[in-house]
Amino acid sequence: AGNSITANSSDLTFNTKVVDSHSAWSGTAFVAPKTGWYDIKGAATYTTSIGVVISAYVNTVKNVTLGYTQATTAVVVFNGGVYLKAGDSLTVRQDASATLSNSSTNHWVSITSQG
């Protein structure tokens, strides 16, 4: 966290790992260890209030909108799911340029497989 993100082209960063059972997370990208459905949950915290849409990208192509907020808050909570093939890359991006906060409490992501 704490870095500037360019709209629709920079992946959100979540650098501190708590658990990564398959060594699938690089800090900006998740590589699916097996084919299946994956749930994505998280929050992004910005240095100022922002209106933003958060989306999941699979192999650099926008796949699904995960969440959004109006310009009255600096925290965006997001969730959703995608179907990935083994080896697919999943990243999270936003549609507005902004700077992420250094908050470790309100800036996180969780990606879990179903099955």
PDB file of N, CA and C in Angstrom:
ATOM      1  N   ALA A   1       0.842  -1.196   0.000  1.00  0.00           N
ATOM      2  CA  ALA A   1       0.000   0.000   0.000  1.00  0.00           C
ATOM      3  C   ALA A   1       0.872   1.240   0.000  1.00  0.00           C
ATOM      4  N   GLY A   2       0.257   2.387  -0.201  1.00  0.00           N
ATOM      5  CA  GLY A   2       0.975   3.648  -0.184  1.00  0.00           C
ATOM      6  C   GLY A   2       1.460   4.103  -1.538  1.00  0.00           C
ATOM      7  N   ASN A   3       1.220   3.318  -2.579  1.00  0.00           N
ATOM      8  CA  ASN A   3       1.706   3.720  -3.891  1.00  0.00           C
ATOM      9  C   ASN A   3       0.601   4.348  -4.734  1.00  0.00           C
ATOM     10  N   SER A   4       1.016   5.084  -5.760  1.00  0.00           N
ATOM     11  CA  SER A   4       0.067   5.695  -6.686  1.00  0.00           C
ATOM     12  C   SER A   4      -0.378   4.657  -7.703  1.00  0.00           C
ATOM     13  N   ILE A   5      -1.676   4.627  -7.972  1.00  0.00           N
ATOM     14  CA  ILE A   5      -2.262   3.671  -8.896  1.00  0.00           C
ATOM     15  C   ILE A   5      -2.813   4.436 -10.101  1.00  0.00           C
ATOM     16  N   THR A   6      -2.456   3.992 -11.298  1.00  0.00           N
ATOM     17  CA  THR A   6      -2.975   4.580 -12.531  1.00  0.00           C
ATOM     18  C   THR A   6      -4.247   3.843 -12.922  1.00  0.00           C
ATOM     19  N   ALA A   7      -5.289   4.584 -13.232  1.00  0.00           N
ATOM     20  CA  ALA A   7      -6.595   4.005 -13.557  1.00  0.00           C
ATOM     21  C   ALA A   7      -6.495   2.949 -14.649  1.00  0.00           C
ATOM     22  N   ASN A   8      -7.145   1.819 -14.396  1.00  0.00           N
ATOM     23  CA  ASN A   8      -7.319   0.724 -15.355  1.00  0.00           C
ATOM     24  C   ASN A   8      -6.036   0.048 -15.847  1.00  0.00           C
ATOM     25  N   SER A   9      -4.880   0.446 -15.351  1.00  0.00           N
ATOM     26  CA  SER A   9      -3.664  -0.206 -15.836  1.00  0.00           C
ATOM     27  C   SER A   9      -2.725  -0.665 -14.733  1.00  0.00           C
ATOM     28  N   SER A  10      -2.816  -0.086 -13.538  1.00  0.00           N
ATOM     29  CA  SER A  10      -1.959  -0.504 -12.427  1.00  0.00           C
ATOM     30  C   SER A  10      -2.740  -1.431 -11.500  1.00  0.00           C
ATOM     31  N   ASP A  11      -2.108  -2.532 -11.130  1.00  0.00           N
ATOM     32  CA  ASP A  11      -2.731  -3.468 -10.197  1.00  0.00           C
ATOM     33  C   ASP A  11      -2.608  -2.932  -8.772  1.00  0.00           C
ATOM     34  N   LEU A  12      -3.651  -3.134  -7.970  1.00  0.00           N
ATOM     35  CA  LEU A  12      -3.553  -2.774  -6.565  1.00  0.00           C
ATOM     36  C   LEU A  12      -2.530  -3.678  -5.897  1.00  0.00           C
ATOM     37  N   THR A  13      -1.797  -3.127  -4.951  1.00  0.00           N
ATOM     38  CA  THR A  13      -0.767  -3.893  -4.253  1.00  0.00           C
ATOM     39  C   THR A  13      -1.236  -4.247  -2.851  1.00  0.00           C
ATOM     40  N   PHE A  14      -0.988  -5.476  -2.478  1.00  0.00           N
ATOM     41  CA  PHE A  14      -1.240  -5.991  -1.141  1.00  0.00           C
ATOM     42  C   PHE A  14       0.006  -6.800  -0.799  1.00  0.00           C
ATOM     43  N   ASN A  15       1.009  -6.128  -0.231  1.00  0.00           N
ATOM     44  CA  ASN A  15       2.336  -6.728  -0.107  1.00  0.00           C
ATOM     45  C   ASN A  15       2.557  -7.612   1.104  1.00  0.00           C
ATOM     46  N   THR A  16       1.813  -7.432   2.177  1.00  0.00           N
ATOM     47  CA  THR A  16       2.054  -8.204   3.383  1.00  0.00           C
ATOM     48  C   THR A  16       1.192  -9.455   3.377  1.00  0.00           C
ATOM     49  N   LYS A  17       1.822 -10.612   3.308  1.00  0.00           N
ATOM     50  CA  LYS A  17       1.099 -11.881   3.321  1.00  0.00           C
ATOM     51  C   LYS A  17       0.862 -12.319   4.758  1.00  0.00           C
ATOM     52  N   VAL A  18      -0.334 -12.798   5.011  1.00  0.00           N
ATOM     53  CA  VAL A  18      -0.618 -13.430   6.294  1.00  0.00           C
ATOM     54  C   VAL A  18      -0.603 -14.936   6.094  1.00  0.00           C
ATOM     55  N   VAL A  19      -1.350 -15.413   5.095  1.00  0.00           N
ATOM     56  CA  VAL A  19      -1.356 -16.828   4.724  1.00  0.00           C
ATOM     57  C   VAL A  19      -1.348 -16.908   3.202  1.00  0.00           C
ATOM     58  N   ASP A  20      -0.484 -17.742   2.667  1.00  0.00           N
ATOM     59  CA  ASP A  20      -0.445 -18.013   1.224  1.00  0.00           C
ATOM     60  C   ASP A  20      -0.099 -19.488   1.078  1.00  0.00           C
ATOM     61  N   SER A  21      -1.101 -20.342   1.210  1.00  0.00           N
ATOM     62  CA  SER A  21      -0.880 -21.785   1.286  1.00  0.00           C
ATOM     63  C   SER A  21      -0.293 -22.404   0.023  1.00  0.00           C
ATOM     64  N   HIS A  22      -0.411 -21.729  -1.122  1.00  0.00           N
ATOM     65  CA  HIS A  22       0.100 -22.287  -2.373  1.00  0.00           C
ATOM     66  C   HIS A  22       1.174 -21.396  -3.026  1.00  0.00           C
ATOM     67  N   SER A  23       1.674 -20.407  -2.295  1.00  0.00           N
ATOM     68  CA  SER A  23       2.635 -19.443  -2.847  1.00  0.00           C
ATOM     69  C   SER A  23       2.138 -18.879  -4.176  1.00  0.00           C
ATOM     70  N   ALA A  24       0.852 -18.499  -4.191  1.00  0.00           N
ATOM     71  CA  ALA A  24       0.191 -18.046  -5.416  1.00  0.00           C
ATOM     72  C   ALA A  24       0.106 -16.534  -5.530  1.00  0.00           C
ATOM     73  N   TRP A  25       0.463 -15.790  -4.487  1.00  0.00           N
ATOM     74  CA  TRP A  25       0.323 -14.333  -4.476  1.00  0.00           C
ATOM     75  C   TRP A  25       1.681 -13.661  -4.582  1.00  0.00           C
ATOM     76  N   SER A  26       1.810 -12.701  -5.528  1.00  0.00           N
ATOM     77  CA  SER A  26       3.089 -12.004  -5.734  1.00  0.00           C
ATOM     78  C   SER A  26       3.134 -10.621  -5.081  1.00  0.00           C
ATOM     79  N   GLY A  27       2.013 -10.161  -4.543  1.00  0.00           N
ATOM     80  CA  GLY A  27       1.912  -8.788  -4.038  1.00  0.00           C
ATOM     81  C   GLY A  27       0.956  -7.975  -4.891  1.00  0.00           C
ATOM     82  N   THR A  28       0.868  -8.335  -6.177  1.00  0.00           N
ATOM     83  CA  THR A  28      -0.081  -7.682  -7.083  1.00  0.00           C
ATOM     84  C   THR A  28      -0.902  -8.684  -7.895  1.00  0.00           C
ATOM     85  N   ALA A  29      -0.448  -9.924  -8.000  1.00  0.00           N
ATOM     86  CA  ALA A  29      -1.161 -10.908  -8.830  1.00  0.00           C
ATOM     87  C   ALA A  29      -1.277 -12.250  -8.118  1.00  0.00           C
ATOM     88  N   PHE A  30      -2.394 -12.910  -8.366  1.00  0.00           N
ATOM     89  CA  PHE A  30      -2.655 -14.260  -7.878  1.00  0.00           C
ATOM     90  C   PHE A  30      -2.646 -15.192  -9.082  1.00  0.00           C
ATOM     91  N   VAL A  31      -1.873 -16.262  -9.019  1.00  0.00           N
ATOM     92  CA  VAL A  31      -1.847 -17.254 -10.091  1.00  0.00           C
ATOM     93  C   VAL A  31      -2.561 -18.496  -9.577  1.00  0.00           C
ATOM     94  N   ALA A  32      -3.649 -18.873 -10.253  1.00  0.00           N
ATOM     95  CA  ALA A  32      -4.482 -19.987  -9.812  1.00  0.00           C
ATOM     96  C   ALA A  32      -3.699 -21.301  -9.828  1.00  0.00           C
ATOM     97  N   PRO A  33      -3.611 -21.970  -8.685  1.00  0.00           N
ATOM     98  CA  PRO A  33      -2.901 -23.245  -8.644  1.00  0.00           C
ATOM     99  C   PRO A  33      -3.716 -24.393  -9.251  1.00  0.00           C
ATOM    100  N   LYS A  34      -5.033 -24.222  -9.344  1.00  0.00           N
ATOM    101  CA  LYS A  34      -5.892 -25.257  -9.927  1.00  0.00           C
ATOM    102  C   LYS A  34      -7.110 -24.592 -10.564  1.00  0.00           C
ATOM    103  N   THR A  35      -7.765 -25.299 -11.457  1.00  0.00           N
ATOM    104  CA  THR A  35      -8.966 -24.802 -12.117  1.00  0.00           C
ATOM    105  C   THR A  35     -10.133 -24.819 -11.135  1.00  0.00           C
ATOM    106  N   GLY A  36     -10.930 -23.747 -11.138  1.00  0.00           N
ATOM    107  CA  GLY A  36     -12.099 -23.705 -10.269  1.00  0.00           C
ATOM    108  C   GLY A  36     -12.582 -22.294 -10.022  1.00  0.00           C
ATOM    109  N   TRP A  37     -13.569 -22.191  -9.139  1.00  0.00           N
ATOM    110  CA  TRP A  37     -14.177 -20.935  -8.759  1.00  0.00           C
ATOM    111  C   TRP A  37     -13.407 -20.339  -7.588  1.00  0.00           C
ATOM    112  N   TYR A  38     -13.121 -19.034  -7.657  1.00  0.00           N
ATOM    113  CA  TYR A  38     -12.389 -18.345  -6.599  1.00  0.00           C
ATOM    114  C   TYR A  38     -13.192 -17.150  -6.090  1.00  0.00           C
ATOM    115  N   ASP A  39     -13.313 -17.055  -4.774  1.00  0.00           N
ATOM    116  CA  ASP A  39     -13.965 -15.916  -4.135  1.00  0.00           C
ATOM    117  C   ASP A  39     -12.916 -14.860  -3.820  1.00  0.00           C
ATOM    118  N   ILE A  40     -13.268 -13.603  -4.055  1.00  0.00           N
ATOM    119  CA  ILE A  40     -12.369 -12.480  -3.798  1.00  0.00           C
ATOM    120  C   ILE A  40     -13.067 -11.532  -2.835  1.00  0.00           C
ATOM    121  N   LYS A  41     -12.414 -11.201  -1.746  1.00  0.00           N
ATOM    122  CA  LYS A  41     -12.935 -10.238  -0.774  1.00  0.00           C
ATOM    123  C   LYS A  41     -11.793  -9.304  -0.406  1.00  0.00           C
ATOM    124  N   GLY A  42     -12.123  -8.063  -0.097  1.00  0.00           N
ATOM    125  CA  GLY A  42     -11.074  -7.165   0.323  1.00  0.00           C
ATOM    126  C   GLY A  42     -11.539  -5.744   0.549  1.00  0.00           C
ATOM    127  N   ALA A  43     -10.572  -4.889   0.786  1.00  0.00           N
ATOM    128  CA  ALA A  43     -10.818  -3.463   0.972  1.00  0.00           C
ATOM    129  C   ALA A  43      -9.588  -2.705   0.501  1.00  0.00           C
ATOM    130  N   ALA A  44      -9.839  -1.552  -0.078  1.00  0.00           N
ATOM    131  CA  ALA A  44      -8.755  -0.659  -0.487  1.00  0.00           C
ATOM    132  C   ALA A  44      -8.967   0.676   0.220  1.00  0.00           C
ATOM    133  N   THR A  45      -7.911   1.211   0.773  1.00  0.00           N
ATOM    134  CA  THR A  45      -7.975   2.476   1.493  1.00  0.00           C
ATOM    135  C   THR A  45      -7.096   3.493   0.772  1.00  0.00           C
ATOM    136  N   TYR A  46      -7.655   4.685   0.569  1.00  0.00           N
ATOM    137  CA  TYR A  46      -6.971   5.735  -0.175  1.00  0.00           C
ATOM    138  C   TYR A  46      -6.604   6.896   0.743  1.00  0.00           C
ATOM    139  N   THR A  47      -5.725   7.762   0.273  1.00  0.00           N
ATOM    140  CA  THR A  47      -5.282   8.898   1.079  1.00  0.00           C
ATOM    141  C   THR A  47      -6.349   9.989   1.157  1.00  0.00           C
ATOM    142  N   THR A  48      -7.289   9.998   0.216  1.00  0.00           N
ATOM    143  CA  THR A  48      -8.392  10.966   0.239  1.00  0.00           C
ATOM    144  C   THR A  48      -9.672  10.267  -0.221  1.00  0.00           C
ATOM    145  N   SER A  49     -10.796  10.906  -0.001  1.00  0.00           N
ATOM    146  CA  SER A  49     -12.065  10.370  -0.484  1.00  0.00           C
ATOM    147  C   SER A  49     -12.033  10.280  -2.008  1.00  0.00           C
ATOM    148  N   ILE A  50     -12.671   9.235  -2.532  1.00  0.00           N
ATOM    149  CA  ILE A  50     -12.599   9.006  -3.978  1.00  0.00           C
ATOM    150  C   ILE A  50     -13.824   8.217  -4.447  1.00  0.00           C
ATOM    151  N   GLY A  51     -14.288   8.539  -5.616  1.00  0.00           N
ATOM    152  CA  GLY A  51     -15.300   7.722  -6.274  1.00  0.00           C
ATOM    153  C   GLY A  51     -14.565   6.752  -7.178  1.00  0.00           C
ATOM    154  N   VAL A  52     -14.715   5.468  -6.941  1.00  0.00           N
ATOM    155  CA  VAL A  52     -13.910   4.488  -7.666  1.00  0.00           C
ATOM    156  C   VAL A  52     -14.671   3.177  -7.835  1.00  0.00           C
ATOM    157  N   VAL A  53     -14.389   2.489  -8.926  1.00  0.00           N
ATOM    158  CA  VAL A  53     -14.903   1.142  -9.170  1.00  0.00           C
ATOM    159  C   VAL A  53     -13.712   0.191  -9.117  1.00  0.00           C
ATOM    160  N   ILE A  54     -13.850  -0.901  -8.361  1.00  0.00           N
ATOM    161  CA  ILE A  54     -12.813  -1.921  -8.241  1.00  0.00           C
ATOM    162  C   ILE A  54     -13.253  -3.129  -9.062  1.00  0.00           C
ATOM    163  N   SER A  55     -12.360  -3.652  -9.903  1.00  0.00           N
ATOM    164  CA  SER A  55     -12.690  -4.788 -10.763  1.00  0.00           C
ATOM    165  C   SER A  55     -11.608  -5.862 -10.698  1.00  0.00           C
ATOM    166  N   ALA A  56     -12.020  -7.107 -10.994  1.00  0.00           N
ATOM    167  CA  ALA A  56     -11.082  -8.220 -11.118  1.00  0.00           C
ATOM    168  C   ALA A  56     -10.709  -8.361 -12.586  1.00  0.00           C
ATOM    169  N   TYR A  57      -9.423  -8.530 -12.833  1.00  0.00           N
ATOM    170  CA  TYR A  57      -8.908  -8.755 -14.183  1.00  0.00           C
ATOM    171  C   TYR A  57      -8.315 -10.161 -14.232  1.00  0.00           C
ATOM    172  N   VAL A  58      -8.661 -10.909 -15.273  1.00  0.00           N
ATOM    173  CA  VAL A  58      -8.100 -12.239 -15.479  1.00  0.00           C
ATOM    174  C   VAL A  58      -7.239 -12.184 -16.728  1.00  0.00           C
ATOM    175  N   ASN A  59      -5.964 -12.496 -16.555  1.00  0.00           N
ATOM    176  CA  ASN A  59      -5.001 -12.434 -17.661  1.00  0.00           C
ATOM    177  C   ASN A  59      -5.054 -11.070 -18.357  1.00  0.00           C
ATOM    178  N   THR A  60      -5.098  -9.998 -17.563  1.00  0.00           N
ATOM    179  CA  THR A  60      -5.103  -8.577 -17.959  1.00  0.00           C
ATOM    180  C   THR A  60      -6.392  -8.108 -18.631  1.00  0.00           C
ATOM    181  N   VAL A  61      -7.454  -8.919 -18.623  1.00  0.00           N
ATOM    182  CA  VAL A  61      -8.735  -8.537 -19.215  1.00  0.00           C
ATOM    183  C   VAL A  61      -9.764  -8.362 -18.102  1.00  0.00           C
ATOM    184  N   LYS A  62     -10.468  -7.218 -18.098  1.00  0.00           N
ATOM    185  CA  LYS A  62     -11.482  -6.969 -17.078  1.00  0.00           C
ATOM    186  C   LYS A  62     -12.528  -8.073 -17.119  1.00  0.00           C
ATOM    187  N   ASN A  63     -12.797  -8.668 -15.941  1.00  0.00           N
ATOM    188  CA  ASN A  63     -13.691  -9.815 -15.859  1.00  0.00           C
ATOM    189  C   ASN A  63     -14.985  -9.503 -15.127  1.00  0.00           C
ATOM    190  N   VAL A  64     -14.893  -8.878 -13.946  1.00  0.00           N
ATOM    191  CA  VAL A  64     -16.079  -8.623 -13.135  1.00  0.00           C
ATOM    192  C   VAL A  64     -15.830  -7.428 -12.208  1.00  0.00           C
ATOM    193  N   THR A  65     -16.885  -6.637 -12.001  1.00  0.00           N
ATOM    194  CA  THR A  65     -16.824  -5.545 -11.025  1.00  0.00           C
ATOM    195  C   THR A  65     -16.999  -6.126  -9.635  1.00  0.00           C
ATOM    196  N   LEU A  66     -16.122  -5.736  -8.721  1.00  0.00           N
ATOM    197  CA  LEU A  66     -16.150  -6.256  -7.361  1.00  0.00           C
ATOM    198  C   LEU A  66     -16.768  -5.286  -6.364  1.00  0.00           C
ATOM    199  N   GLY A  67     -16.703  -3.991  -6.632  1.00  0.00           N
ATOM    200  CA  GLY A  67     -17.241  -3.004  -5.706  1.00  0.00           C
ATOM    201  C   GLY A  67     -17.006  -1.599  -6.199  1.00  0.00           C
ATOM    202  N   TYR A  68     -17.675  -0.658  -5.558  1.00  0.00           N
ATOM    203  CA  TYR A  68     -17.517   0.747  -5.922  1.00  0.00           C
ATOM    204  C   TYR A  68     -17.915   1.613  -4.743  1.00  0.00           C
ATOM    205  N   THR A  69     -17.549   2.884  -4.826  1.00  0.00           N
ATOM    206  CA  THR A  69     -17.939   3.838  -3.806  1.00  0.00           C
ATOM    207  C   THR A  69     -18.125   5.214  -4.432  1.00  0.00           C
ATOM    208  N   GLN A  70     -18.899   6.018  -3.770  1.00  0.00           N
ATOM    209  CA  GLN A  70     -19.063   7.420  -4.168  1.00  0.00           C
ATOM    210  C   GLN A  70     -17.859   8.204  -3.659  1.00  0.00           C
ATOM    211  N   ALA A  71     -17.770   9.453  -4.007  1.00  0.00           N
ATOM    212  CA  ALA A  71     -16.613  10.275  -3.649  1.00  0.00           C
ATOM    213  C   ALA A  71     -16.661  10.800  -2.217  1.00  0.00           C
ATOM    214  N   THR A  72     -17.367  10.124  -1.325  1.00  0.00           N
ATOM    215  CA  THR A  72     -17.500  10.609   0.054  1.00  0.00           C
ATOM    216  C   THR A  72     -16.737   9.761   1.062  1.00  0.00           C
ATOM    217  N   THR A  73     -16.007   8.771   0.613  1.00  0.00           N
ATOM    218  CA  THR A  73     -15.263   7.909   1.522  1.00  0.00           C
ATOM    219  C   THR A  73     -13.897   7.571   0.948  1.00  0.00           C
ATOM    220  N   ALA A  74     -12.983   7.167   1.808  1.00  0.00           N
ATOM    221  CA  ALA A  74     -11.646   6.795   1.368  1.00  0.00           C
ATOM    222  C   ALA A  74     -11.425   5.288   1.422  1.00  0.00           C
ATOM    223  N   VAL A  75     -12.468   4.525   1.775  1.00  0.00           N
ATOM    224  CA  VAL A  75     -12.358   3.068   1.882  1.00  0.00           C
ATOM    225  C   VAL A  75     -13.376   2.415   0.956  1.00  0.00           C
ATOM    226  N   VAL A  76     -12.917   1.462   0.141  1.00  0.00           N
ATOM    227  CA  VAL A  76     -13.795   0.709  -0.745  1.00  0.00           C
ATOM    228  C   VAL A  76     -13.742  -0.758  -0.326  1.00  0.00           C
ATOM    229  N   VAL A  77     -14.877  -1.308   0.054  1.00  0.00           N
ATOM    230  CA  VAL A  77     -14.989  -2.730   0.367  1.00  0.00           C
ATOM    231  C   VAL A  77     -15.463  -3.423  -0.896  1.00  0.00           C
ATOM    232  N   PHE A  78     -14.851  -4.548  -1.243  1.00  0.00           N
ATOM    233  CA  PHE A  78     -15.230  -5.233  -2.476  1.00  0.00           C
ATOM    234  C   PHE A  78     -15.309  -6.743  -2.273  1.00  0.00           C
ATOM    235  N   ASN A  79     -16.102  -7.406  -3.121  1.00  0.00           N
ATOM    236  CA  ASN A  79     -16.176  -8.865  -3.106  1.00  0.00           C
ATOM    237  C   ASN A  79     -16.814  -9.364  -4.393  1.00  0.00           C
ATOM    238  N   GLY A  80     -16.568 -10.601  -4.711  1.00  0.00           N
ATOM    239  CA  GLY A  80     -17.103 -11.234  -5.911  1.00  0.00           C
ATOM    240  C   GLY A  80     -16.389 -12.539  -6.159  1.00  0.00           C
ATOM    241  N   GLY A  81     -16.566 -13.064  -7.350  1.00  0.00           N
ATOM    242  CA  GLY A  81     -15.926 -14.327  -7.668  1.00  0.00           C
ATOM    243  C   GLY A  81     -15.649 -14.457  -9.145  1.00  0.00           C
ATOM    244  N   VAL A  82     -14.676 -15.298  -9.469  1.00  0.00           N
ATOM    245  CA  VAL A  82     -14.318 -15.562 -10.859  1.00  0.00           C
ATOM    246  C   VAL A  82     -13.970 -17.041 -11.015  1.00  0.00           C
ATOM    247  N   TYR A  83     -14.164 -17.535 -12.226  1.00  0.00           N
ATOM    248  CA  TYR A  83     -13.738 -18.888 -12.570  1.00  0.00           C
ATOM    249  C   TYR A  83     -12.377 -18.786 -13.241  1.00  0.00           C
ATOM    250  N   LEU A  84     -11.400 -19.511 -12.705  1.00  0.00           N
ATOM    251  CA  LEU A  84     -10.038 -19.466 -13.241  1.00  0.00           C
ATOM    252  C   LEU A  84      -9.587 -20.857 -13.652  1.00  0.00           C
ATOM    253  N   LYS A  85      -8.798 -20.913 -14.716  1.00  0.00           N
ATOM    254  CA  LYS A  85      -8.120 -22.141 -15.104  1.00  0.00           C
ATOM    255  C   LYS A  85      -6.769 -22.147 -14.405  1.00  0.00           C
ATOM    256  N   ALA A  86      -6.222 -23.309 -14.155  1.00  0.00           N
ATOM    257  CA  ALA A  86      -4.900 -23.407 -13.543  1.00  0.00           C
ATOM    258  C   ALA A  86      -3.912 -22.579 -14.350  1.00  0.00           C
ATOM    259  N   GLY A  87      -3.181 -21.696 -13.676  1.00  0.00           N
ATOM    260  CA  GLY A  87      -2.195 -20.839 -14.331  1.00  0.00           C
ATOM    261  C   GLY A  87      -2.706 -19.466 -14.714  1.00  0.00           C
ATOM    262  N   ASP A  88      -4.037 -19.247 -14.659  1.00  0.00           N
ATOM    263  CA  ASP A  88      -4.582 -17.915 -14.935  1.00  0.00           C
ATOM    264  C   ASP A  88      -4.102 -16.921 -13.886  1.00  0.00           C
ATOM    265  N   SER A  89      -3.894 -15.685 -14.313  1.00  0.00           N
ATOM    266  CA  SER A  89      -3.466 -14.615 -13.419  1.00  0.00           C
ATOM    267  C   SER A  89      -4.656 -13.718 -13.079  1.00  0.00           C
ATOM    268  N   LEU A  90      -4.857 -13.468 -11.794  1.00  0.00           N
ATOM    269  CA  LEU A  90      -5.931 -12.608 -11.303  1.00  0.00           C
ATOM    270  C   LEU A  90      -5.322 -11.388 -10.641  1.00  0.00           C
ATOM    271  N   THR A  91      -5.751 -10.195 -11.070  1.00  0.00           N
ATOM    272  CA  THR A  91      -5.325  -8.953 -10.432  1.00  0.00           C
ATOM    273  C   THR A  91      -6.555  -8.109 -10.109  1.00  0.00           C
ATOM    274  N   VAL A  92      -6.370  -7.127  -9.248  1.00  0.00           N
ATOM    275  CA  VAL A  92      -7.441  -6.208  -8.861  1.00  0.00           C
ATOM    276  C   VAL A  92      -7.007  -4.806  -9.278  1.00  0.00           C
ATOM    277  N   ARG A  93      -7.896  -4.113 -10.004  1.00  0.00           N
ATOM    278  CA  ARG A  93      -7.592  -2.758 -10.483  1.00  0.00           C
ATOM    279  C   ARG A  93      -8.755  -1.825 -10.193  1.00  0.00           C
ATOM    280  N   GLN A  94      -8.473  -0.537 -10.274  1.00  0.00           N
ATOM    281  CA  GLN A  94      -9.489   0.497 -10.063  1.00  0.00           C
ATOM    282  C   GLN A  94      -9.613   1.344 -11.317  1.00  0.00           C
ATOM    283  N   ASP A  95     -10.740   2.040 -11.446  1.00  0.00           N
ATOM    284  CA  ASP A  95     -10.989   2.830 -12.661  1.00  0.00           C
ATOM    285  C   ASP A  95     -10.651   4.304 -12.503  1.00  0.00           C
ATOM    286  N   ALA A  96      -9.999   4.682 -11.420  1.00  0.00           N
ATOM    287  CA  ALA A  96      -9.610   6.078 -11.192  1.00  0.00           C
ATOM    288  C   ALA A  96      -8.179   6.113 -10.667  1.00  0.00           C
ATOM    289  N   SER A  97      -7.420   7.109 -11.070  1.00  0.00           N
ATOM    290  CA  SER A  97      -6.060   7.263 -10.545  1.00  0.00           C
ATOM    291  C   SER A  97      -6.135   7.820  -9.137  1.00  0.00           C
ATOM    292  N   ALA A  98      -5.396   7.211  -8.222  1.00  0.00           N
ATOM    293  CA  ALA A  98      -5.410   7.635  -6.823  1.00  0.00           C
ATOM    294  C   ALA A  98      -4.225   7.024  -6.095  1.00  0.00           C
ATOM    295  N   THR A  99      -3.973   7.495  -4.886  1.00  0.00           N
ATOM    296  CA  THR A  99      -2.883   6.973  -4.064  1.00  0.00           C
ATOM    297  C   THR A  99      -3.446   6.135  -2.930  1.00  0.00           C
ATOM    298  N   LEU A 100      -2.932   4.916  -2.805  1.00  0.00           N
ATOM    299  CA  LEU A 100      -3.355   4.038  -1.727  1.00  0.00           C
ATOM    300  C   LEU A 100      -2.759   4.509  -0.402  1.00  0.00           C
ATOM    301  N   SER A 101      -3.500   4.313   0.663  1.00  0.00           N
ATOM    302  CA  SER A 101      -3.041   4.639   2.009  1.00  0.00           C
ATOM    303  C   SER A 101      -2.051   3.583   2.479  1.00  0.00           C
ATOM    304  N   ASN A 102      -1.312   3.887   3.512  1.00  0.00           N
ATOM    305  CA  ASN A 102      -0.417   2.911   4.134  1.00  0.00           C
ATOM    306  C   ASN A 102      -1.128   2.084   5.198  1.00  0.00           C
ATOM    307  N   SER A 103      -2.453   2.200   5.307  1.00  0.00           N
ATOM    308  CA  SER A 103      -3.224   1.474   6.317  1.00  0.00           C
ATOM    309  C   SER A 103      -3.097  -0.032   6.131  1.00  0.00           C
ATOM    310  N   SER A 104      -2.694  -0.727   7.175  1.00  0.00           N
ATOM    311  CA  SER A 104      -2.640  -2.192   7.105  1.00  0.00           C
ATOM    312  C   SER A 104      -3.923  -2.814   7.633  1.00  0.00           C
ATOM    313  N   THR A 105      -4.751  -2.023   8.293  1.00  0.00           N
ATOM    314  CA  THR A 105      -6.006  -2.525   8.832  1.00  0.00           C
ATOM    315  C   THR A 105      -7.107  -2.537   7.788  1.00  0.00           C
ATOM    316  N   ASN A 106      -7.209  -1.473   7.006  1.00  0.00           N
ATOM    317  CA  ASN A 106      -8.296  -1.348   6.041  1.00  0.00           C
ATOM    318  C   ASN A 106      -7.839  -1.544   4.598  1.00  0.00           C
ATOM    319  N   HIS A 107      -6.719  -2.206   4.384  1.00  0.00           N
ATOM    320  CA  HIS A 107      -6.214  -2.463   3.032  1.00  0.00           C
ATOM    321  C   HIS A 107      -5.798  -3.929   2.983  1.00  0.00           C
ATOM    322  N   TRP A 108      -6.660  -4.765   2.414  1.00  0.00           N
ATOM    323  CA  TRP A 108      -6.387  -6.199   2.436  1.00  0.00           C
ATOM    324  C   TRP A 108      -7.133  -6.906   1.306  1.00  0.00           C
ATOM    325  N   VAL A 109      -6.720  -8.134   1.003  1.00  0.00           N
ATOM    326  CA  VAL A 109      -7.410  -8.968   0.023  1.00  0.00           C
ATOM    327  C   VAL A 109      -7.340 -10.425   0.482  1.00  0.00           C
ATOM    328  N   SER A 110      -8.415 -11.155   0.186  1.00  0.00           N
ATOM    329  CA  SER A 110      -8.481 -12.591   0.487  1.00  0.00           C
ATOM    330  C   SER A 110      -9.023 -13.282  -0.762  1.00  0.00           C
ATOM    331  N   ILE A 111      -8.292 -14.268  -1.257  1.00  0.00           N
ATOM    332  CA  ILE A 111      -8.713 -15.048  -2.418  1.00  0.00           C
ATOM    333  C   ILE A 111      -8.732 -16.509  -1.993  1.00  0.00           C
ATOM    334  N   THR A 112      -9.896 -17.128  -2.088  1.00  0.00           N
ATOM    335  CA  THR A 112     -10.041 -18.516  -1.660  1.00  0.00           C
ATOM    336  C   THR A 112     -10.708 -19.339  -2.751  1.00  0.00           C
ATOM    337  N   SER A 113     -10.311 -20.589  -2.859  1.00  0.00           N
ATOM    338  CA  SER A 113     -10.923 -21.481  -3.857  1.00  0.00           C
ATOM    339  C   SER A 113     -12.122 -22.180  -3.234  1.00  0.00           C
ATOM    340  N   GLN A 114     -13.050 -22.531  -4.086  1.00  0.00           N
ATOM    341  CA  GLN A 114     -14.247 -23.250  -3.652  1.00  0.00           C
ATOM    342  C   GLN A 114     -14.157 -24.684  -4.158  1.00  0.00           C
ATOM    343  N   GLY A 115     -13.677 -25.552  -3.291  1.00  0.00           N
ATOM    344  CA  GLY A 115     -13.623 -26.962  -3.675  1.00  0.00           C
ATOM    345  C   GLY A 115     -12.260 -27.525  -3.733  1.00  0.00           C
TER     346      GLY A 115
END
